[in-house]
Amino acid sequence: MALATTDSIVTGAYSNGGKADMSTRSHIAGFSTRRWDEPKWQPDCRSIHVKMPSLLSRASATLHRIWGRVRWRMAAILVFTGMSTLLVVALSIAALNVLVRREASSVVEKEIALLLNESRSVAPTILDHAANCTATTDRLVLPQSLLAYTAEVFPQSRASVTIDGPNGVRFHSSGPARLAAEHPNWLESQEFSGLVVEQGEVGIRHLLSARKGACTVTVAFSLPLGARLAARLATASGVEITAVRHQRFRVHPLNQRILQTIRSNFIPGKVQPASVVLTVRNWKTGGQEDWIVASVRGNYSRTFEGMARLGGQLADWVWLLIGLCAAAFLLDGAGMWTCVRFGKEIATSVDDLSIAAAEIAAGNFSWRTAVRSKSQLGELTANFNEMAIALEKVQKEQAERLRLDGELQAARSVQQYLYPRHEPVLLNATVSGQTLPARVIGGDLYDFIDLGHGRIGMLCADVSGKSIPAALMMANLQALTRAHASHASDVPSICPAHFVEVLNTELAGRFGTNRYATLIWAVYDTQTRDLTYVGAGHPAPIVVHASGAIDRLSSEGFPVGMFPTAQYVATTVKMRPGSCLVIFTDGVTDAADVAGEEFGEDRLLARCKAIEPGWDARETTGHLMHAVADWSSGAERFDDTTVVVLRIAPDSM
């Protein structure tokens, strides 16, 4: 029988006038139960409006049935397969466009780098032919023949010479605009060659300084990257180059240029102009900047021809690429055919299983699905039928279990009435008890019996076993105890040891040879504060004195119901003012935490030492029970837990 856990603690004083909660909740996996007294749903006839189906609704229903017959799942597979193919094609086109554009830009960049190297010798040549410090001011600083040759080789170029000597500074410049031959502040060396930007214009710049006698001669050469140079580069490289206004290059956010990106990269056969971006140095600050100097339009045929040919022959990898593309198209076609071929079988099986699942969800476990093939789908259908058979069996078992659970809940409610409903009122003492069953019903028992003449009988017992058998034996033990206790109240001289012997004789063999109970039967006299008790295989009770000292009482007798002729011995102790008697079952010390460690007697004794002097029996019982509950929180309980406390008032006589 399955274990049932409960977080409720049965106390000696019942709440709600001693009425137990008889409501139960039953949950079965996959099912929902409705109480017999719940009203069934009734349609509100006033809110129902009968309407004739319109032509549109009939057409929609017809299209829906037709769409279901052509297996929309197959269509979805084909659509997704086609979309993946289109995506691969689009990515290939984008990669091709990027490759063509980047290849064209690289050609222009290489031509500009080549032009930079070719013009590197101009400045040293001018420096060699420049005048020295002894020349007069009316003598030309730059030879005209050299300037004419430079202008022919490098159109729109400019050159300047600055001579700083004893006779002052002389300056000479050639070209359409004046070029200052001065070192910027960031330039530490005497020579510079590279791409620079000055006043929004990008160009090639060479700067060279040297000592000639008593003078310092500085030569500057500049070649702007303009329209004429773009035409020259286009002629040399065979690429369509267009001069544009020089501007800083900035990467725009993707969401601002998404359409342009799609048009430029994903449309086959259309290559948008690519910007030629160069990293140049700002002539004023010396910082590195990216500038657009031209736009270039690539060419598919030229790119393919340049990549596919090695010298005058076609490269080997071209045929390999053609073969791979053909294989890819064949495999894609085979995949489409496979989807169509097996999609029908899959869709049919899924439809059958969907109908079967709906029937199973509705509770019709007798539904069986026809097995149409011997493939894995057929095996799946057969396994589904076996599952339905198993669920049908489980449904019957759970219905039976539900009935048993209901009976157990009813038995638990009845068992709660067996415990004391009210705590007895004693002279200068309080008594209380609490129990927590490990399952729905338990085998622990505690009871308080008025024996008259100022005496109170306290019983704490632990019946062997669990659940229903233990509960039945516990109820019988309580009935026997109360029956014989009523006789003992009439005859006060009956010894508690003899009382336990009578119970042992009555129980022996009644529930079989392997059923017994451990117990503590104690009689407390409120007039004399004498406690007379008998132990029958039960854990030794604990006496906590007002000073905090702890004594363990003896409990050496055999459990009742085990040996019919067993003899028991009663022991009498004097309960001092402020002392406390704690009787407990082994479920207290055996309670384990989630790691499997038991609560143990040491922790119980430590909790007993922590009892406050002002607590009564109920507060002391709650203190101990909560300590055990906190220790075993989250762990499964395997034994019932019971604590009975007798607390003597500090100011008693």
Foldseek 3Di string as FASTA:
>chain_A
DDFAADDDWQWQADPPLLADDLDDDDDDPLDDDDDPPDDDDDDDVVPDDDDDDDPVVVVVVVVVVVCVVVPVVLVVVVVVLVVVVLVVLLVVQLVLLVVQQVVQLVLLVVVQVVVLVVCQCLQVVLVVQADAPPDDLVDDRGDPVSVVVCCVVAPQKKKKKWKAAPVGIDIDIDGPDRDDQDAAPVDDDQWDWDWEDDPQWIWTKIWHWDDDPRIIMIMIMIHTLAQVVQVVSCVVRVWDKFFDRKDFDDDDDCVVCVVVSCVQRRDPPDHDWDFNWDFHAYRHPRDTTIMTGITTTGDPVVVCVVVQDDVPDGDPVVVVVVVVVVVVVVVSVVVSVVSVVCVVVVSVLVVQVVVVVVCVSVVNLVDAGDQDDDDVSSVVSVVVNVVSVVVVVVVVVVVVVVVVVSVLSVVLSVLSVLRNNDWDDADQKGKIKMKGFLGSDFQWDWYWDDLDPQKIKIKTKHKPDTDDVSSVVSVVLSVLLRVVSPVCSVVVVDAVQVSLLVSLLVQACPSHQPIFMWMKIWMAHRVQQKIKIWTAPFAFKWKQAQVLDIDTHDHPHHTRRNDNPTGIDIDIDHRAALMKIKGKGCLLQQQAAPVNDGCHPVVVSVQVSVDDSPDHFVVSNVSSVVVSCVRHPPHRRDHMIMMMMMGGHNPRD
